[in-house]
C-alpha atoms as a PDB file:
ATOM      1  CA  UNK A   1      16.131  -0.830   5.916  1.00  0.00           C
ATOM      2  CA  UNK A   2      15.546  -0.537   9.635  1.00  0.00           C
ATOM      3  CA  UNK A   3      12.604  -2.729   9.717  1.00  0.00           C
ATOM      4  CA  UNK A   4      14.369  -5.765  11.609  1.00  0.00           C
ATOM      5  CA  UNK A   5      13.865  -7.568   8.881  1.00  0.00           C
ATOM      6  CA  UNK A   6      14.134 -11.440   8.857  1.00  0.00           C
ATOM      7  CA  UNK A   7      14.917 -13.067   5.285  1.00  0.00           C
ATOM      8  CA  UNK A   8      14.851 -16.881   5.168  1.00  0.00           C
ATOM      9  CA  UNK A   9      15.835 -18.676   1.934  1.00  0.00           C
ATOM     10  CA  UNK A  10      14.776 -22.255   1.241  1.00  0.00           C
ATOM     11  CA  UNK A  11      16.060 -23.768  -2.122  1.00  0.00           C
ATOM     12  CA  UNK A  12      15.166 -27.226  -0.629  1.00  0.00           C
ATOM     13  CA  UNK A  13      11.053 -27.014  -0.100  1.00  0.00           C
ATOM     14  CA  UNK A  14       7.733 -28.897  -1.399  1.00  0.00           C
ATOM     15  CA  UNK A  15       6.876 -26.179  -3.501  1.00  0.00           C
ATOM     16  CA  UNK A  16       9.866 -26.924  -5.754  1.00  0.00           C
ATOM     17  CA  UNK A  17      11.100 -24.267  -6.382  1.00  0.00           C
ATOM     18  CA  UNK A  18      13.987 -21.778  -4.643  1.00  0.00           C
ATOM     19  CA  UNK A  19      11.878 -18.764  -2.397  1.00  0.00           C
ATOM     20  CA  UNK A  20      12.210 -16.473   0.106  1.00  0.00           C
ATOM     21  CA  UNK A  21      10.547 -15.178   3.031  1.00  0.00           C
ATOM     22  CA  UNK A  22      10.962 -11.601   4.139  1.00  0.00           C
ATOM     23  CA  UNK A  23       9.572 -10.816   7.722  1.00  0.00           C
ATOM     24  CA  UNK A  24       9.186  -7.398   9.136  1.00  0.00           C
ATOM     25  CA  UNK A  25       8.555  -7.406  12.720  1.00  0.00           C
ATOM     26  CA  UNK A  26       7.932  -4.286  13.020  1.00  0.00           C
ATOM     27  CA  UNK A  27       4.930  -4.140  11.024  1.00  0.00           C
ATOM     28  CA  UNK A  28       4.194  -7.827  11.813  1.00  0.00           C
ATOM     29  CA  UNK A  29       4.368  -8.444   8.021  1.00  0.00           C
ATOM     30  CA  UNK A  30       5.637 -11.344   5.826  1.00  0.00           C
ATOM     31  CA  UNK A  31       6.410 -11.561   1.810  1.00  0.00           C
ATOM     32  CA  UNK A  32       7.019 -15.036   0.769  1.00  0.00           C
ATOM     33  CA  UNK A  33       8.602 -14.078  -2.671  1.00  0.00           C
ATOM     34  CA  UNK A  34       8.641 -17.389  -5.143  1.00  0.00           C
ATOM     35  CA  UNK A  35      10.050 -16.496  -9.040  1.00  0.00           C
ATOM     36  CA  UNK A  36       9.018 -13.282 -10.088  1.00  0.00           C
ATOM     37  CA  UNK A  37       5.732 -13.368  -7.656  1.00  0.00           C
ATOM     38  CA  UNK A  38       5.211 -12.054  -4.025  1.00  0.00           C
ATOM     39  CA  UNK A  39       2.381 -12.235  -1.614  1.00  0.00           C
ATOM     40  CA  UNK A  40       2.251 -10.374   1.417  1.00  0.00           C
ATOM     41  CA  UNK A  41       0.856 -11.884   4.596  1.00  0.00           C
ATOM     42  CA  UNK A  42      -0.188  -9.870   7.091  1.00  0.00           C
ATOM     43  CA  UNK A  43      -1.016  -9.787  10.944  1.00  0.00           C
ATOM     44  CA  UNK A  44      -4.455  -8.091  11.239  1.00  0.00           C
ATOM     45  CA  UNK A  45      -3.347  -4.864  12.830  1.00  0.00           C
ATOM     46  CA  UNK A  46      -3.788  -1.383  13.799  1.00  0.00           C
ATOM     47  CA  UNK A  47      -2.242   1.957  13.403  1.00  0.00           C
ATOM     48  CA  UNK A  48      -1.739   5.120  14.994  1.00  0.00           C
ATOM     49  CA  UNK A  49      -0.749   8.370  14.018  1.00  0.00           C
ATOM     50  CA  UNK A  50       1.095  10.257  16.478  1.00  0.00           C
ATOM     51  CA  UNK A  51       1.940  13.397  14.039  1.00  0.00           C
ATOM     52  CA  UNK A  52       1.278  13.808  10.604  1.00  0.00           C
ATOM     53  CA  UNK A  53       3.335  12.322   7.913  1.00  0.00           C
ATOM     54  CA  UNK A  54       5.166   9.999  10.701  1.00  0.00           C
ATOM     55  CA  UNK A  55       5.585   6.081  10.862  1.00  0.00           C
ATOM     56  CA  UNK A  56       2.582   4.858  12.903  1.00  0.00           C
ATOM     57  CA  UNK A  57       2.726   2.889  15.898  1.00  0.00           C
ATOM     58  CA  UNK A  58       1.640  -0.612  14.489  1.00  0.00           C
ATOM     59  CA  UNK A  59      -0.282  -2.702  17.584  1.00  0.00           C
ATOM     60  CA  UNK A  60      -2.273  -6.373  16.725  1.00  0.00           C
ATOM     61  CA  UNK A  61      -5.930  -5.276  15.993  1.00  0.00           C
ATOM     62  CA  UNK A  62      -9.476  -7.050  14.422  1.00  0.00           C
ATOM     63  CA  UNK A  63      -9.988  -6.905  10.706  1.00  0.00           C
ATOM     64  CA  UNK A  64     -11.899  -4.438  10.527  1.00  0.00           C
ATOM     65  CA  UNK A  65      -9.037  -2.383  12.479  1.00  0.00           C
ATOM     66  CA  UNK A  66      -7.219  -3.859   9.683  1.00  0.00           C
ATOM     67  CA  UNK A  67      -9.125  -2.936   6.970  1.00  0.00           C
ATOM     68  CA  UNK A  68      -9.649   1.191   8.116  1.00  0.00           C
ATOM     69  CA  UNK A  69      -5.998   1.199   8.323  1.00  0.00           C
ATOM     70  CA  UNK A  70      -5.426   0.522   4.742  1.00  0.00           C
ATOM     71  CA  UNK A  71      -4.126   3.057   1.755  1.00  0.00           C
ATOM     72  CA  UNK A  72      -6.938   2.741  -0.823  1.00  0.00           C
ATOM     73  CA  UNK A  73     -10.257   0.625  -0.500  1.00  0.00           C
ATOM     74  CA  UNK A  74      -8.999  -1.179  -3.502  1.00  0.00           C
ATOM     75  CA  UNK A  75      -6.362  -2.392  -1.129  1.00  0.00           C
ATOM     76  CA  UNK A  76      -8.811  -2.963   1.417  1.00  0.00           C
ATOM     77  CA  UNK A  77     -10.211  -5.946   0.561  1.00  0.00           C
ATOM     78  CA  UNK A  78      -9.482  -9.262   2.383  1.00  0.00           C
ATOM     79  CA  UNK A  79      -9.725 -13.252   2.347  1.00  0.00           C
ATOM     80  CA  UNK A  80     -10.984 -14.726   5.575  1.00  0.00           C
ATOM     81  CA  UNK A  81     -10.399 -18.060   6.123  1.00  0.00           C
ATOM     82  CA  UNK A  82     -11.825 -20.475   8.594  1.00  0.00           C
ATOM     83  CA  UNK A  83     -12.507 -24.019   9.235  1.00  0.00           C
ATOM     84  CA  UNK A  84      -9.102 -25.692   9.060  1.00  0.00           C
ATOM     85  CA  UNK A  85      -8.428 -23.752   5.043  1.00  0.00           C
ATOM     86  CA  UNK A  86     -12.012 -25.729   4.370  1.00  0.00           C
ATOM     87  CA  UNK A  87     -14.365 -21.853   4.103  1.00  0.00           C
ATOM     88  CA  UNK A  88     -13.256 -18.517   3.045  1.00  0.00           C
ATOM     89  CA  UNK A  89     -15.335 -15.294   2.856  1.00  0.00           C
ATOM     90  CA  UNK A  90     -14.510 -12.389   0.880  1.00  0.00           C
ATOM     91  CA  UNK A  91     -14.051  -9.504   3.616  1.00  0.00           C
ATOM     92  CA  UNK A  92     -15.045  -6.008   2.193  1.00  0.00           C
ATOM     93  CA  UNK A  93     -16.555  -3.423   4.181  1.00  0.00           C
ATOM     94  CA  UNK A  94     -14.839  -0.391   2.184  1.00  0.00           C
ATOM     95  CA  UNK A  95     -16.138  -0.805  -1.077  1.00  0.00           C
ATOM     96  CA  UNK A  96     -13.038  -1.989  -3.264  1.00  0.00           C
ATOM     97  CA  UNK A  97     -15.097  -4.721  -5.156  1.00  0.00           C
ATOM     98  CA  UNK A  98     -17.210  -1.803  -6.113  1.00  0.00           C
ATOM     99  CA  UNK A  99     -13.912   0.721  -6.845  1.00  0.00           C
ATOM    100  CA  UNK A 100     -11.734  -2.294  -8.970  1.00  0.00           C
ATOM    101  CA  UNK A 101     -14.854  -2.663 -11.070  1.00  0.00           C
ATOM    102  CA  UNK A 102     -15.347   0.828 -11.332  1.00  0.00           C
ATOM    103  CA  UNK A 103     -11.465   0.940 -11.633  1.00  0.00           C
ATOM    104  CA  UNK A 104     -11.393   3.700  -9.125  1.00  0.00           C
ATOM    105  CA  UNK A 105      -8.210   5.018  -6.698  1.00  0.00           C
ATOM    106  CA  UNK A 106     -10.037   6.082  -3.814  1.00  0.00           C
ATOM    107  CA  UNK A 107      -8.411   6.904  -0.344  1.00  0.00           C
ATOM    108  CA  UNK A 108     -10.693   5.613   3.092  1.00  0.00           C
ATOM    109  CA  UNK A 109     -11.112   9.257   4.867  1.00  0.00           C
ATOM    110  CA  UNK A 110     -10.298  13.160   4.608  1.00  0.00           C
ATOM    111  CA  UNK A 111      -7.156  12.781   6.564  1.00  0.00           C
ATOM    112  CA  UNK A 112      -5.676   9.623   4.781  1.00  0.00           C
ATOM    113  CA  UNK A 113      -2.411  12.310   3.408  1.00  0.00           C
ATOM    114  CA  UNK A 114      -2.367  13.667   6.336  1.00  0.00           C
ATOM    115  CA  UNK A 115      -1.497  10.727   8.189  1.00  0.00           C
ATOM    116  CA  UNK A 116       0.433   9.683   5.504  1.00  0.00           C
ATOM    117  CA  UNK A 117       1.254  11.360   2.532  1.00  0.00           C
ATOM    118  CA  UNK A 118       3.610   9.042   0.955  1.00  0.00           C
ATOM    119  CA  UNK A 119       0.181   7.555  -0.070  1.00  0.00           C
ATOM    120  CA  UNK A 120      -0.010  10.180  -2.752  1.00  0.00           C
ATOM    121  CA  UNK A 121       3.294   8.158  -4.516  1.00  0.00           C
ATOM    122  CA  UNK A 122       0.902   5.272  -4.285  1.00  0.00           C
ATOM    123  CA  UNK A 123      -1.767   6.418  -5.891  1.00  0.00           C
ATOM    124  CA  UNK A 124      -0.485   7.946  -9.068  1.00  0.00           C
ATOM    125  CA  UNK A 125       1.471   4.501  -9.338  1.00  0.00           C
ATOM    126  CA  UNK A 126      -1.536   2.722  -9.722  1.00  0.00           C
ATOM    127  CA  UNK A 127      -3.254   4.768 -11.933  1.00  0.00           C
ATOM    128  CA  UNK A 128      -1.010   4.693 -13.962  1.00  0.00           C
ATOM    129  CA  UNK A 129       0.222   1.072 -13.466  1.00  0.00           C
ATOM    130  CA  UNK A 130      -3.408  -0.526 -13.757  1.00  0.00           C
ATOM    131  CA  UNK A 131      -4.788   0.028 -17.134  1.00  0.00           C
ATOM    132  CA  UNK A 132      -7.633   1.858 -17.200  1.00  0.00           C
ATOM    133  CA  UNK A 133      -8.154   2.887 -13.568  1.00  0.00           C
ATOM    134  CA  UNK A 134      -8.531   6.486 -12.305  1.00  0.00           C
ATOM    135  CA  UNK A 135      -7.518   8.176  -8.722  1.00  0.00           C
ATOM    136  CA  UNK A 136     -11.194   9.296  -7.608  1.00  0.00           C
ATOM    137  CA  UNK A 137     -12.071  12.843  -8.138  1.00  0.00           C
ATOM    138  CA  UNK A 138     -12.368  13.532  -4.287  1.00  0.00           C
ATOM    139  CA  UNK A 139      -9.394  12.018  -3.417  1.00  0.00           C
ATOM    140  CA  UNK A 140      -7.694  14.200  -5.735  1.00  0.00           C
ATOM    141  CA  UNK A 141      -8.778  16.527  -4.344  1.00  0.00           C
ATOM    142  CA  UNK A 142      -7.271  15.998  -1.317  1.00  0.00           C
ATOM    143  CA  UNK A 143      -4.305  15.821  -2.858  1.00  0.00           C
ATOM    144  CA  UNK A 144      -3.842  18.875  -4.336  1.00  0.00           C
ATOM    145  CA  UNK A 145      -4.862  21.024  -1.242  1.00  0.00           C
ATOM    146  CA  UNK A 146      -2.176  21.990   0.872  1.00  0.00           C
ATOM    147  CA  UNK A 147      -4.241  21.532   3.779  1.00  0.00           C
ATOM    148  CA  UNK A 148      -5.079  17.646   2.838  1.00  0.00           C
ATOM    149  CA  UNK A 149      -1.715  16.739   1.842  1.00  0.00           C
ATOM    150  CA  UNK A 150       1.662  17.124   3.577  1.00  0.00           C
ATOM    151  CA  UNK A 151       3.960  16.436   2.032  1.00  0.00           C
ATOM    152  CA  UNK A 152       6.383  18.749   3.462  1.00  0.00           C
ATOM    153  CA  UNK A 153       6.141  16.971   6.510  1.00  0.00           C
ATOM    154  CA  UNK A 154       8.255  13.796   4.697  1.00  0.00           C
ATOM    155  CA  UNK A 155      11.139  12.948   5.685  1.00  0.00           C
ATOM    156  CA  UNK A 156      13.594  13.022   2.614  1.00  0.00           C
ATOM    157  CA  UNK A 157      14.303   8.872   3.374  1.00  0.00           C
ATOM    158  CA  UNK A 158      10.648   8.347   2.968  1.00  0.00           C
ATOM    159  CA  UNK A 159      10.595  10.693  -0.526  1.00  0.00           C
ATOM    160  CA  UNK A 160      13.477   8.664  -1.122  1.00  0.00           C
ATOM    161  CA  UNK A 161      12.307   5.094  -0.486  1.00  0.00           C
ATOM    162  CA  UNK A 162       9.149   6.084  -2.842  1.00  0.00           C
ATOM    163  CA  UNK A 163      11.493   6.930  -5.307  1.00  0.00           C
ATOM    164  CA  UNK A 164      13.282   4.147  -5.528  1.00  0.00           C
ATOM    165  CA  UNK A 165       9.508   1.990  -6.084  1.00  0.00           C
ATOM    166  CA  UNK A 166       8.817   4.188  -8.712  1.00  0.00           C
ATOM    167  CA  UNK A 167      11.885   3.769 -10.650  1.00  0.00           C
ATOM    168  CA  UNK A 168      11.608   0.191 -10.396  1.00  0.00           C
ATOM    169  CA  UNK A 169       8.564  -0.287 -12.416  1.00  0.00           C
ATOM    170  CA  UNK A 170       8.753  -0.759 -16.080  1.00  0.00           C
ATOM    171  CA  UNK A 171      10.043   2.384 -18.055  1.00  0.00           C
ATOM    172  CA  UNK A 172       7.146   3.419 -19.742  1.00  0.00           C
ATOM    173  CA  UNK A 173       4.886   3.310 -16.313  1.00  0.00           C
ATOM    174  CA  UNK A 174       8.227   5.314 -14.395  1.00  0.00           C
ATOM    175  CA  UNK A 175       7.914   8.107 -17.568  1.00  0.00           C
ATOM    176  CA  UNK A 176       3.557   7.952 -16.733  1.00  0.00           C
ATOM    177  CA  UNK A 177       3.762   8.426 -13.087  1.00  0.00           C
ATOM    178  CA  UNK A 178       6.250  11.142 -13.639  1.00  0.00           C
ATOM    179  CA  UNK A 179       4.480  12.820 -16.135  1.00  0.00           C
ATOM    180  CA  UNK A 180       0.926  12.571 -13.880  1.00  0.00           C
ATOM    181  CA  UNK A 181       2.962  13.618 -10.703  1.00  0.00           C
ATOM    182  CA  UNK A 182       4.077  16.786 -12.428  1.00  0.00           C
ATOM    183  CA  UNK A 183       0.617  17.366 -13.264  1.00  0.00           C
ATOM    184  CA  UNK A 184      -0.578  17.441  -9.869  1.00  0.00           C
ATOM    185  CA  UNK A 185       2.362  19.954  -8.933  1.00  0.00           C
ATOM    186  CA  UNK A 186       3.665  16.947  -6.553  1.00  0.00           C
ATOM    187  CA  UNK A 187       7.321  17.387  -8.257  1.00  0.00           C
ATOM    188  CA  UNK A 188       8.221  20.905  -7.236  1.00  0.00           C
END
C-alpha cells in the first residue's frame, strides 16, 4: 500500500490490551485496531476529483465539507465532541440517521459513482452485510446507468482492492455480494 502508512504498535498501554494504530497521511485518517475491533479517526476534509474514477485530492476542510464527501448518507454522520470531551453533538445534515432507521443505502449526489465508481462495490457490500438494508431505488438507477457510473474508468488496482475487501467478508456474505453484483451487471 503506497498511502504512506505509519503503523504504531504498542503492547504495553493503559488500555491493557495490545493495539495497533495505522496512519494514512495522504488521506488524513488513522485507524485504531484493538482485538477484533477498529475505530476510524478522520480529520475533517474536503476532496476534489480532477477526473472521473481517479483518487481525489484531499485537503483539510470543515465538518460540513467532510460530510458532503462521504459515500452514503449512512456514513455521513459525525459526533462533534466539544468542551474538553464534556459535550457531544450528533451531526447529521444529510439524513443518515433516518436512512439507518429505514435501512436504506443512498448516495449523496448524482455524480457519486462518476467521482468514485468503487462506491458501487461498497454499496453492495453494505446492503448484503447489514441485515435488511437495501440500496435506494434512485441509487440503484445510478449504478445501472452507464452515463452515471463509470466503472470502466477504474484502474485494475482499485478493482482488485475492492475485490480483496469483498473476499475478506464472511463466507455467506461473499456469495450474496457476488450474486448482487452479477444482478446489477457489474461483473461483466
